[in-house]
Amino acid sequence: VMGIANPGGKSFIPAALIGNLGAIIGSIVSTRVMLLFTAKLYGKERPC
């Protein structure tokens, strides 16, 4: 997406970097919600 040509002449690099920040926030939410499910099933002390 950084390499996509913008007809307006502006760079999409800032947009791509902001998108990465959004993905990081999404990853935290996804992982934390999943851990809520798995902690109920396995408990938090059982070794892998």
All heavy atoms as atom14 arrays in JSON, in Angstrom:
{
  "sequence": "VMGIANPGGKSFIPAALIGNLGAIIGSIVSTRVMLLFTAKLYGKERPC",
  "atom14_mask": [
    [1, 1, 1, 1, 1, 1, 1, 0, 0, 0, 0, 0, 0, 0],
    [1, 1, 1, 1, 1, 1, 1, 1, 0, 0, 0, 0, 0, 0],
    [1, 1, 1, 1, 0, 0, 0, 0, 0, 0, 0, 0, 0, 0],
    [1, 1, 1, 1, 1, 1, 1, 1, 0, 0, 0, 0, 0, 0],
    [1, 1, 1, 1, 1, 0, 0, 0, 0, 0, 0, 0, 0, 0],
    [1, 1, 1, 1, 1, 1, 1, 1, 0, 0, 0, 0, 0, 0],
    [1, 1, 1, 1, 1, 1, 1, 0, 0, 0, 0, 0, 0, 0],
    [1, 1, 1, 1, 0, 0, 0, 0, 0, 0, 0, 0, 0, 0],
    [1, 1, 1, 1, 0, 0, 0, 0, 0, 0, 0, 0, 0, 0],
    [1, 1, 1, 1, 1, 1, 1, 1, 1, 0, 0, 0, 0, 0],
    [1, 1, 1, 1, 1, 1, 0, 0, 0, 0, 0, 0, 0, 0],
    [1, 1, 1, 1, 1, 1, 1, 1, 1, 1, 1, 0, 0, 0],
    [1, 1, 1, 1, 1, 1, 1, 1, 0, 0, 0, 0, 0, 0],
    [1, 1, 1, 1, 1, 1, 1, 0, 0, 0, 0, 0, 0, 0],
    [1, 1, 1, 1, 1, 0, 0, 0, 0, 0, 0, 0, 0, 0],
    [1, 1, 1, 1, 1, 0, 0, 0, 0, 0, 0, 0, 0, 0],
    [1, 1, 1, 1, 1, 1, 1, 1, 0, 0, 0, 0, 0, 0],
    [1, 1, 1, 1, 1, 1, 1, 1, 0, 0, 0, 0, 0, 0],
    [1, 1, 1, 1, 0, 0, 0, 0, 0, 0, 0, 0, 0, 0],
    [1, 1, 1, 1, 1, 1, 1, 1, 0, 0, 0, 0, 0, 0],
    [1, 1, 1, 1, 1, 1, 1, 1, 0, 0, 0, 0, 0, 0],
    [1, 1, 1, 1, 0, 0, 0, 0, 0, 0, 0, 0, 0, 0],
    [1, 1, 1, 1, 1, 0, 0, 0, 0, 0, 0, 0, 0, 0],
    [1, 1, 1, 1, 1, 1, 1, 1, 0, 0, 0, 0, 0, 0],
    [1, 1, 1, 1, 1, 1, 1, 1, 0, 0, 0, 0, 0, 0],
    [1, 1, 1, 1, 0, 0, 0, 0, 0, 0, 0, 0, 0, 0],
    [1, 1, 1, 1, 1, 1, 0, 0, 0, 0, 0, 0, 0, 0],
    [1, 1, 1, 1, 1, 1, 1, 1, 0, 0, 0, 0, 0, 0],
    [1, 1, 1, 1, 1, 1, 1, 0, 0, 0, 0, 0, 0, 0],
    [1, 1, 1, 1, 1, 1, 0, 0, 0, 0, 0, 0, 0, 0],
    [1, 1, 1, 1, 1, 1, 1, 0, 0, 0, 0, 0, 0, 0],
    [1, 1, 1, 1, 1, 1, 1, 1, 1, 1, 1, 0, 0, 0],
    [1, 1, 1, 1, 1, 1, 1, 0, 0, 0, 0, 0, 0, 0],
    [1, 1, 1, 1, 1, 1, 1, 1, 0, 0, 0, 0, 0, 0],
    [1, 1, 1, 1, 1, 1, 1, 1, 0, 0, 0, 0, 0, 0],
    [1, 1, 1, 1, 1, 1, 1, 1, 0, 0, 0, 0, 0, 0],
    [1, 1, 1, 1, 1, 1, 1, 1, 1, 1, 1, 0, 0, 0],
    [1, 1, 1, 1, 1, 1, 1, 0, 0, 0, 0, 0, 0, 0],
    [1, 1, 1, 1, 1, 0, 0, 0, 0, 0, 0, 0, 0, 0],
    [1, 1, 1, 1, 1, 1, 1, 1, 1, 0, 0, 0, 0, 0],
    [1, 1, 1, 1, 1, 1, 1, 1, 0, 0, 0, 0, 0, 0],
    [1, 1, 1, 1, 1, 1, 1, 1, 1, 1, 1, 1, 0, 0],
    [1, 1, 1, 1, 0, 0, 0, 0, 0, 0, 0, 0, 0, 0],
    [1, 1, 1, 1, 1, 1, 1, 1, 1, 0, 0, 0, 0, 0],
    [1, 1, 1, 1, 1, 1, 1, 1, 1, 0, 0, 0, 0, 0],
    [1, 1, 1, 1, 1, 1, 1, 1, 1, 1, 1, 0, 0, 0],
    [1, 1, 1, 1, 1, 1, 1, 0, 0, 0, 0, 0, 0, 0],
    [1, 1, 1, 1, 1, 1, 0, 0, 0, 0, 0, 0, 0, 0]
  ],
  "atom14_positions": [
    [[0.83, -1.21, 0.0], [0.0, 0.0, 0.0], [0.86, 1.26, 0.0], [0.44, 2.3, -0.53], [-1.0, 0.01, 1.18], [-1.97, -1.15, 1.08], [-0.29, -0.01, 2.52], [0.0, 0.0, 0.0], [0.0, 0.0, 0.0], [0.0, 0.0, 0.0], [0.0, 0.0, 0.0], [0.0, 0.0, 0.0], [0.0, 0.0, 0.0], [0.0, 0.0, 0.0]],
    [[2.07, 1.18, 0.58], [2.97, 2.34, 0.53], [3.38, 2.67, -0.9], [3.61, 3.84, -1.25], [4.23, 2.06, 1.35], [4.08, 2.2, 2.84], [5.65, 1.86, 3.68], [5.22, 2.26, 5.38], [0.0, 0.0, 0.0], [0.0, 0.0, 0.0], [0.0, 0.0, 0.0], [0.0, 0.0, 0.0], [0.0, 0.0, 0.0], [0.0, 0.0, 0.0]],
    [[3.44, 1.65, -1.75], [3.89, 1.85, -3.12], [2.8, 2.21, -4.1], [3.08, 2.44, -5.29], [0.0, 0.0, 0.0], [0.0, 0.0, 0.0], [0.0, 0.0, 0.0], [0.0, 0.0, 0.0], [0.0, 0.0, 0.0], [0.0, 0.0, 0.0], [0.0, 0.0, 0.0], [0.0, 0.0, 0.0], [0.0, 0.0, 0.0], [0.0, 0.0, 0.0]],
    [[1.55, 2.27, -3.65], [0.45, 2.61, -4.55], [0.54, 4.09, -4.95], [0.74, 4.96, -4.1], [-0.91, 2.34, -3.88], [-1.08, 0.83, -3.62], [-2.07, 2.85, -4.75], [-2.33, 0.49, -2.83], [0.0, 0.0, 0.0], [0.0, 0.0, 0.0], [0.0, 0.0, 0.0], [0.0, 0.0, 0.0], [0.0, 0.0, 0.0], [0.0, 0.0, 0.0]],
    [[0.41, 4.35, -6.24], [0.48, 5.72, -6.74], [-0.8, 6.48, -6.38], [-1.9, 6.01, -6.64], [0.66, 5.71, -8.25], [0.0, 0.0, 0.0], [0.0, 0.0, 0.0], [0.0, 0.0, 0.0], [0.0, 0.0, 0.0], [0.0, 0.0, 0.0], [0.0, 0.0, 0.0], [0.0, 0.0, 0.0], [0.0, 0.0, 0.0], [0.0, 0.0, 0.0]],
    [[-0.62, 7.64, -5.79], [-1.76, 8.47, -5.38], [-1.96, 9.56, -6.43], [-1.07, 10.37, -6.68], [-1.47, 9.1, -4.02], [-2.66, 9.87, -3.47], [-3.62, 10.15, -4.17], [-2.59, 10.21, -2.19], [0.0, 0.0, 0.0], [0.0, 0.0, 0.0], [0.0, 0.0, 0.0], [0.0, 0.0, 0.0], [0.0, 0.0, 0.0], [0.0, 0.0, 0.0]],
    [[-3.14, 9.59, -7.09], [-3.4, 10.62, -8.11], [-3.24, 12.04, -7.57], [-2.91, 12.96, -8.31], [-4.85, 10.36, -8.53], [-5.1, 8.93, -8.16], [-4.28, 8.68, -6.94], [0.0, 0.0, 0.0], [0.0, 0.0, 0.0], [0.0, 0.0, 0.0], [0.0, 0.0, 0.0], [0.0, 0.0, 0.0], [0.0, 0.0, 0.0], [0.0, 0.0, 0.0]],
    [[-3.45, 12.21, -6.25], [-3.32, 13.53, -5.66], [-1.88, 13.92, -5.39], [-1.61, 15.05, -4.97], [0.0, 0.0, 0.0], [0.0, 0.0, 0.0], [0.0, 0.0, 0.0], [0.0, 0.0, 0.0], [0.0, 0.0, 0.0], [0.0, 0.0, 0.0], [0.0, 0.0, 0.0], [0.0, 0.0, 0.0], [0.0, 0.0, 0.0], [0.0, 0.0, 0.0]],
    [[-0.94, 13.01, -5.61], [0.47, 13.29, -5.42], [0.98, 13.08, -4.01], [2.18, 13.13, -3.75], [0.0, 0.0, 0.0], [0.0, 0.0, 0.0], [0.0, 0.0, 0.0], [0.0, 0.0, 0.0], [0.0, 0.0, 0.0], [0.0, 0.0, 0.0], [0.0, 0.0, 0.0], [0.0, 0.0, 0.0], [0.0, 0.0, 0.0], [0.0, 0.0, 0.0]],
    [[0.09, 12.83, -3.05], [0.5, 12.61, -1.67], [0.92, 11.16, -1.46], [0.49, 10.27, -2.17], [-0.63, 12.97, -0.7], [-0.98, 14.45, -0.69], [-2.07, 14.74, 0.34], [-2.41, 16.23, 0.37], [-3.48, 16.53, 1.36], [0.0, 0.0, 0.0], [0.0, 0.0, 0.0], [0.0, 0.0, 0.0], [0.0, 0.0, 0.0], [0.0, 0.0, 0.0]],
    [[1.77, 10.96, -0.45], [2.25, 9.62, -0.13], [1.25, 8.9, 0.77], [0.61, 9.51, 1.64], [3.6, 9.7, 0.57], [3.98, 8.43, 1.06], [0.0, 0.0, 0.0], [0.0, 0.0, 0.0], [0.0, 0.0, 0.0], [0.0, 0.0, 0.0], [0.0, 0.0, 0.0], [0.0, 0.0, 0.0], [0.0, 0.0, 0.0], [0.0, 0.0, 0.0]],
    [[1.13, 7.59, 0.57], [0.28, 6.76, 1.43], [1.08, 6.16, 2.59], [0.54, 5.34, 3.34], [-0.36, 5.64, 0.62], [-1.53, 6.09, -0.23], [-1.64, 5.67, -1.55], [-2.5, 6.93, 0.29], [-2.7, 6.07, -2.33], [-3.57, 7.35, -0.49], [-3.68, 6.92, -1.81], [0.0, 0.0, 0.0], [0.0, 0.0, 0.0], [0.0, 0.0, 0.0]],
    [[2.34, 6.56, 2.75], [3.17, 6.0, 3.82], [2.58, 6.3, 5.2], [2.46, 5.39, 6.04], [4.63, 6.5, 3.71], [5.29, 5.9, 2.46], [5.42, 6.13, 4.97], [6.72, 6.38, 2.22], [0.0, 0.0, 0.0], [0.0, 0.0, 0.0], [0.0, 0.0, 0.0], [0.0, 0.0, 0.0], [0.0, 0.0, 0.0], [0.0, 0.0, 0.0]],
    [[2.17, 7.56, 5.51], [1.57, 7.82, 6.82], [0.32, 6.98, 7.06], [0.11, 6.47, 8.17], [1.23, 9.32, 6.78], [2.17, 9.88, 5.76], [2.31, 8.8, 4.73], [0.0, 0.0, 0.0], [0.0, 0.0, 0.0], [0.0, 0.0, 0.0], [0.0, 0.0, 0.0], [0.0, 0.0, 0.0], [0.0, 0.0, 0.0], [0.0, 0.0, 0.0]],
    [[-0.51, 6.83, 6.02], [-1.73, 6.04, 6.15], [-1.39, 4.58, 6.47], [-2.04, 3.94, 7.31], [-2.56, 6.12, 4.88], [0.0, 0.0, 0.0], [0.0, 0.0, 0.0], [0.0, 0.0, 0.0], [0.0, 0.0, 0.0], [0.0, 0.0, 0.0], [0.0, 0.0, 0.0], [0.0, 0.0, 0.0], [0.0, 0.0, 0.0], [0.0, 0.0, 0.0]],
    [[-0.36, 4.04, 5.8], [0.04, 2.66, 6.03], [0.55, 2.46, 7.46], [0.24, 1.45, 8.11], [1.1, 2.24, 5.03], [0.0, 0.0, 0.0], [0.0, 0.0, 0.0], [0.0, 0.0, 0.0], [0.0, 0.0, 0.0], [0.0, 0.0, 0.0], [0.0, 0.0, 0.0], [0.0, 0.0, 0.0], [0.0, 0.0, 0.0], [0.0, 0.0, 0.0]],
    [[1.32, 3.42, 7.95], [1.85, 3.32, 9.32], [0.73, 3.42, 10.35], [0.74, 2.7, 11.36], [2.88, 4.42, 9.55], [4.16, 4.33, 8.69], [5.08, 5.51, 8.97], [4.88, 3.0, 8.95], [0.0, 0.0, 0.0], [0.0, 0.0, 0.0], [0.0, 0.0, 0.0], [0.0, 0.0, 0.0], [0.0, 0.0, 0.0], [0.0, 0.0, 0.0]],
    [[-0.24, 4.3, 10.1], [-1.4, 4.39, 10.99], [-2.18, 3.08, 10.96], [-2.68, 2.61, 11.99], [-2.29, 5.58, 10.59], [-1.57, 6.89, 10.9], [-3.64, 5.52, 11.31], [-2.26, 8.12, 10.35], [0.0, 0.0, 0.0], [0.0, 0.0, 0.0], [0.0, 0.0, 0.0], [0.0, 0.0, 0.0], [0.0, 0.0, 0.0], [0.0, 0.0, 0.0]],
    [[-2.27, 2.48, 9.78], [-2.92, 1.18, 9.66], [-2.24, 0.12, 10.5], [-2.9, -0.74, 11.11], [0.0, 0.0, 0.0], [0.0, 0.0, 0.0], [0.0, 0.0, 0.0], [0.0, 0.0, 0.0], [0.0, 0.0, 0.0], [0.0, 0.0, 0.0], [0.0, 0.0, 0.0], [0.0, 0.0, 0.0], [0.0, 0.0, 0.0], [0.0, 0.0, 0.0]],
    [[-0.92, 0.17, 10.58], [-0.18, -0.76, 11.43], [-0.54, -0.56, 12.9], [-0.67, -1.53, 13.65], [1.33, -0.59, 11.23], [1.87, -1.41, 10.07], [2.6, -2.37, 10.26], [1.5, -1.04, 8.86], [0.0, 0.0, 0.0], [0.0, 0.0, 0.0], [0.0, 0.0, 0.0], [0.0, 0.0, 0.0], [0.0, 0.0, 0.0], [0.0, 0.0, 0.0]],
    [[-0.67, 0.7, 13.32], [-1.08, 0.96, 14.7], [-2.47, 0.39, 14.97], [-2.73, -0.18, 16.04], [-1.08, 2.47, 14.97], [0.28, 3.17, 15.02], [0.09, 4.67, 15.2], [1.13, 2.6, 16.16], [0.0, 0.0, 0.0], [0.0, 0.0, 0.0], [0.0, 0.0, 0.0], [0.0, 0.0, 0.0], [0.0, 0.0, 0.0], [0.0, 0.0, 0.0]],
    [[-3.37, 0.56, 14.0], [-4.71, 0.0, 14.14], [-4.67, -1.52, 14.27], [-5.39, -2.11, 15.08], [0.0, 0.0, 0.0], [0.0, 0.0, 0.0], [0.0, 0.0, 0.0], [0.0, 0.0, 0.0], [0.0, 0.0, 0.0], [0.0, 0.0, 0.0], [0.0, 0.0, 0.0], [0.0, 0.0, 0.0], [0.0, 0.0, 0.0], [0.0, 0.0, 0.0]],
    [[-3.81, -2.17, 13.46], [-3.69, -3.62, 13.53], [-3.15, -4.08, 14.87], [-3.57, -5.12, 15.4], [-2.78, -4.11, 12.4], [0.0, 0.0, 0.0], [0.0, 0.0, 0.0], [0.0, 0.0, 0.0], [0.0, 0.0, 0.0], [0.0, 0.0, 0.0], [0.0, 0.0, 0.0], [0.0, 0.0, 0.0], [0.0, 0.0, 0.0], [0.0, 0.0, 0.0]],
    [[-2.22, -3.33, 15.45], [-1.69, -3.68, 16.77], [-2.79, -3.62, 17.82], [-2.92, -4.51, 18.67], [-0.53, -2.73, 17.15], [0.68, -3.0, 16.25], [-0.14, -2.89, 18.61], [1.8, -1.98, 16.39], [0.0, 0.0, 0.0], [0.0, 0.0, 0.0], [0.0, 0.0, 0.0], [0.0, 0.0, 0.0], [0.0, 0.0, 0.0], [0.0, 0.0, 0.0]],
    [[-3.62, -2.56, 17.76], [-4.74, -2.45, 18.69], [-5.7, -3.62, 18.51], [-6.16, -4.23, 19.48], [-5.47, -1.1, 18.5], [-4.54, 0.05, 18.89], [-6.76, -1.05, 19.3], [-5.06, 1.42, 18.54], [0.0, 0.0, 0.0], [0.0, 0.0, 0.0], [0.0, 0.0, 0.0], [0.0, 0.0, 0.0], [0.0, 0.0, 0.0], [0.0, 0.0, 0.0]],
    [[-5.98, -3.96, 17.25], [-6.85, -5.1, 16.97], [-6.27, -6.41, 17.48], [-6.99, -7.28, 17.99], [0.0, 0.0, 0.0], [0.0, 0.0, 0.0], [0.0, 0.0, 0.0], [0.0, 0.0, 0.0], [0.0, 0.0, 0.0], [0.0, 0.0, 0.0], [0.0, 0.0, 0.0], [0.0, 0.0, 0.0], [0.0, 0.0, 0.0], [0.0, 0.0, 0.0]],
    [[-4.94, -6.56, 17.38], [-4.3, -7.79, 17.85], [-4.41, -7.95, 19.35], [-4.58, -9.07, 19.86], [-2.81, -7.79, 17.44], [-2.05, -6.88, 18.22], [0.0, 0.0, 0.0], [0.0, 0.0, 0.0], [0.0, 0.0, 0.0], [0.0, 0.0, 0.0], [0.0, 0.0, 0.0], [0.0, 0.0, 0.0], [0.0, 0.0, 0.0], [0.0, 0.0, 0.0]],
    [[-4.33, -6.83, 20.07], [-4.47, -6.88, 21.54], [-5.87, -7.33, 21.91], [-6.06, -8.21, 22.77], [-4.15, -5.5, 22.15], [-2.69, -5.13, 21.89], [-4.46, -5.49, 23.65], [-2.34, -3.69, 22.24], [0.0, 0.0, 0.0], [0.0, 0.0, 0.0], [0.0, 0.0, 0.0], [0.0, 0.0, 0.0], [0.0, 0.0, 0.0], [0.0, 0.0, 0.0]],
    [[-6.87, -6.73, 21.27], [-8.26, -7.09, 21.56], [-8.52, -8.55, 21.22], [-9.09, -9.3, 22.03], [-9.23, -6.17, 20.77], [-10.67, -6.65, 20.92], [-9.09, -4.73, 21.24], [0.0, 0.0, 0.0], [0.0, 0.0, 0.0], [0.0, 0.0, 0.0], [0.0, 0.0, 0.0], [0.0, 0.0, 0.0], [0.0, 0.0, 0.0], [0.0, 0.0, 0.0]],
    [[-8.11, -8.99, 20.04], [-8.33, -10.37, 19.61], [-7.7, -11.36, 20.58], [-8.32, -12.34, 21.0], [-7.76, -10.58, 18.2], [-7.86, -11.93, 17.82], [0.0, 0.0, 0.0], [0.0, 0.0, 0.0], [0.0, 0.0, 0.0], [0.0, 0.0, 0.0], [0.0, 0.0, 0.0], [0.0, 0.0, 0.0], [0.0, 0.0, 0.0], [0.0, 0.0, 0.0]],
    [[-6.45, -11.11, 20.96], [-5.73, -12.02, 21.84], [-6.34, -12.05, 23.23], [-6.51, -13.12, 23.83], [-4.24, -11.62, 21.93], [-3.69, -11.58, 20.61], [-3.46, -12.61, 22.77], [0.0, 0.0, 0.0], [0.0, 0.0, 0.0], [0.0, 0.0, 0.0], [0.0, 0.0, 0.0], [0.0, 0.0, 0.0], [0.0, 0.0, 0.0], [0.0, 0.0, 0.0]],
    [[-6.66, -10.88, 23.76], [-7.23, -10.81, 25.1], [-8.6, -11.49, 25.18], [-8.92, -12.16, 26.17], [-7.34, -9.35, 25.54], [-6.02, -8.73, 25.96], [-5.52, -9.35, 27.25], [-4.34, -8.67, 27.78], [-3.8, -8.93, 28.95], [-4.34, -9.86, 29.73], [-2.72, -8.31, 29.36], [0.0, 0.0, 0.0], [0.0, 0.0, 0.0], [0.0, 0.0, 0.0]],
    [[-9.44, -11.31, 24.15], [-10.75, -11.96, 24.13], [-10.57, -13.48, 24.08], [-11.26, -14.23, 24.79], [-11.6, -11.47, 22.95], [-12.89, -12.29, 22.83], [-11.94, -9.99, 23.11], [0.0, 0.0, 0.0], [0.0, 0.0, 0.0], [0.0, 0.0, 0.0], [0.0, 0.0, 0.0], [0.0, 0.0, 0.0], [0.0, 0.0, 0.0], [0.0, 0.0, 0.0]],
    [[-9.63, -13.94, 23.26], [-9.38, -15.38, 23.16], [-8.91, -15.94, 24.5], [-9.31, -17.04, 24.91], [-8.33, -15.64, 22.08], [-8.08, -17.12, 21.81], [-9.56, -17.96, 21.21], [-8.93, -19.63, 21.0], [0.0, 0.0, 0.0], [0.0, 0.0, 0.0], [0.0, 0.0, 0.0], [0.0, 0.0, 0.0], [0.0, 0.0, 0.0], [0.0, 0.0, 0.0]],
    [[-8.07, -15.2, 25.21], [-7.57, -15.67, 26.5], [-8.69, -15.77, 27.54], [-8.62, -16.61, 28.44], [-6.47, -14.73, 27.01], [-5.13, -14.82, 26.28], [-4.18, -13.74, 26.78], [-4.5, -16.19, 26.44], [0.0, 0.0, 0.0], [0.0, 0.0, 0.0], [0.0, 0.0, 0.0], [0.0, 0.0, 0.0], [0.0, 0.0, 0.0], [0.0, 0.0, 0.0]],
    [[-9.71, -14.94, 27.41], [-10.86, -15.05, 28.31], [-11.55, -16.4, 28.13], [-11.94, -17.05, 29.1], [-11.86, -13.92, 28.05], [-11.42, -12.5, 28.43], [-12.49, -11.49, 28.02], [-11.16, -12.4, 29.93], [0.0, 0.0, 0.0], [0.0, 0.0, 0.0], [0.0, 0.0, 0.0], [0.0, 0.0, 0.0], [0.0, 0.0, 0.0], [0.0, 0.0, 0.0]],
    [[-11.68, -16.81, 26.87], [-12.3, -18.12, 26.58], [-11.45, -19.27, 27.1], [-11.93, -20.19, 27.74], [-12.51, -18.28, 25.07], [-13.59, -17.4, 24.48], [-13.33, -16.62, 23.36], [-14.86, -17.36, 25.03], [-14.31, -15.81, 22.8], [-15.85, -16.55, 24.49], [-15.57, -15.78, 23.37], [0.0, 0.0, 0.0], [0.0, 0.0, 0.0], [0.0, 0.0, 0.0]],
    [[-10.15, -19.23, 26.78], [-9.28, -20.36, 27.1], [-9.0, -20.46, 28.6], [-8.84, -21.57, 29.14], [-7.94, -20.26, 26.34], [-7.31, -19.01, 26.63], [-8.17, -20.37, 24.84], [0.0, 0.0, 0.0], [0.0, 0.0, 0.0], [0.0, 0.0, 0.0], [0.0, 0.0, 0.0], [0.0, 0.0, 0.0], [0.0, 0.0, 0.0], [0.0, 0.0, 0.0]],
    [[-8.95, -19.33, 29.3], [-8.71, -19.37, 30.75], [-9.87, -20.06, 31.46], [-9.67, -20.78, 32.45], [-8.53, -17.95, 31.28], [0.0, 0.0, 0.0], [0.0, 0.0, 0.0], [0.0, 0.0, 0.0], [0.0, 0.0, 0.0], [0.0, 0.0, 0.0], [0.0, 0.0, 0.0], [0.0, 0.0, 0.0], [0.0, 0.0, 0.0], [0.0, 0.0, 0.0]],
    [[-11.09, -19.84, 30.97], [-12.25, -20.51, 31.57], [-12.18, -22.02, 31.35], [-12.61, -22.81, 32.19], [-13.55, -19.96, 30.96], [-13.9, -18.55, 31.42], [-15.21, -18.09, 30.8], [-15.55, -16.67, 31.24], [-16.82, -16.2, 30.61], [0.0, 0.0, 0.0], [0.0, 0.0, 0.0], [0.0, 0.0, 0.0], [0.0, 0.0, 0.0], [0.0, 0.0, 0.0]],
    [[-11.64, -22.41, 30.21], [-11.59, -23.83, 29.86], [-10.46, -24.57, 30.57], [-10.64, -25.66, 31.11], [-11.45, -23.97, 28.34], [-11.41, -25.4, 27.79], [-12.73, -26.12, 28.07], [-11.13, -25.38, 26.29], [0.0, 0.0, 0.0], [0.0, 0.0, 0.0], [0.0, 0.0, 0.0], [0.0, 0.0, 0.0], [0.0, 0.0, 0.0], [0.0, 0.0, 0.0]],
    [[-9.27, -23.98, 30.57], [-8.08, -24.68, 31.08], [-7.62, -24.2, 32.45], [-6.82, -24.88, 33.11], [-6.9, -24.5, 30.11], [-7.12, -25.1, 28.74], [-7.13, -24.29, 27.6], [-7.3, -26.46, 28.57], [-7.32, -24.84, 26.34], [-7.49, -27.02, 27.32], [-7.49, -26.19, 26.2], [-7.67, -26.74, 24.96], [0.0, 0.0, 0.0], [0.0, 0.0, 0.0]],
    [[-8.08, -23.02, 32.89], [-7.48, -22.43, 34.08], [-6.17, -21.76, 33.7], [-5.67, -21.94, 32.6], [0.0, 0.0, 0.0], [0.0, 0.0, 0.0], [0.0, 0.0, 0.0], [0.0, 0.0, 0.0], [0.0, 0.0, 0.0], [0.0, 0.0, 0.0], [0.0, 0.0, 0.0], [0.0, 0.0, 0.0], [0.0, 0.0, 0.0], [0.0, 0.0, 0.0]],
    [[-5.58, -21.01, 34.63], [-4.38, -20.24, 34.3], [-3.07, -20.87, 34.79], [-2.01, -20.31, 34.56], [-4.5, -18.83, 34.88], [-5.58, -17.99, 34.21], [-5.5, -16.54, 34.64], [-6.49, -15.69, 33.87], [-6.41, -14.26, 34.23], [0.0, 0.0, 0.0], [0.0, 0.0, 0.0], [0.0, 0.0, 0.0], [0.0, 0.0, 0.0], [0.0, 0.0, 0.0]],
    [[-3.15, -22.01, 35.45], [-1.94, -22.59, 36.01], [-1.48, -23.86, 35.3], [-0.35, -24.29, 35.47], [-2.15, -22.9, 37.5], [-2.48, -21.67, 38.33], [-1.42, -20.6, 38.22], [-0.22, -20.95, 38.17], [-1.79, -19.41, 38.17], [0.0, 0.0, 0.0], [0.0, 0.0, 0.0], [0.0, 0.0, 0.0], [0.0, 0.0, 0.0], [0.0, 0.0, 0.0]],
    [[-2.32, -24.45, 34.5], [-1.98, -25.71, 33.84], [-0.86, -25.5, 32.82], [-0.97, -24.64, 31.94], [-3.22, -26.26, 33.14], [-3.05, -27.64, 32.53], [-4.4, -28.1, 32.01], [-4.29, -29.29, 31.19], [-5.31, -29.83, 30.52], [-6.51, -29.27, 30.61], [-5.14, -30.91, 29.79], [0.0, 0.0, 0.0], [0.0, 0.0, 0.0], [0.0, 0.0, 0.0]],
    [[0.23, -26.25, 32.92], [1.34, -26.05, 31.98], [1.0, -26.52, 30.57], [0.16, -27.41, 30.39], [2.47, -26.89, 32.58], [1.76, -27.94, 33.38], [0.52, -27.3, 33.91], [0.0, 0.0, 0.0], [0.0, 0.0, 0.0], [0.0, 0.0, 0.0], [0.0, 0.0, 0.0], [0.0, 0.0, 0.0], [0.0, 0.0, 0.0], [0.0, 0.0, 0.0]],
    [[1.65, -25.92, 29.59], [1.4, -26.32, 28.2], [1.9, -27.72, 27.93], [1.26, -28.51, 27.24], [2.09, -25.32, 27.26], [1.71, -25.59, 25.53], [0.0, 0.0, 0.0], [0.0, 0.0, 0.0], [0.0, 0.0, 0.0], [0.0, 0.0, 0.0], [0.0, 0.0, 0.0], [0.0, 0.0, 0.0], [0.0, 0.0, 0.0], [0.0, 0.0, 0.0]]
  ]
}
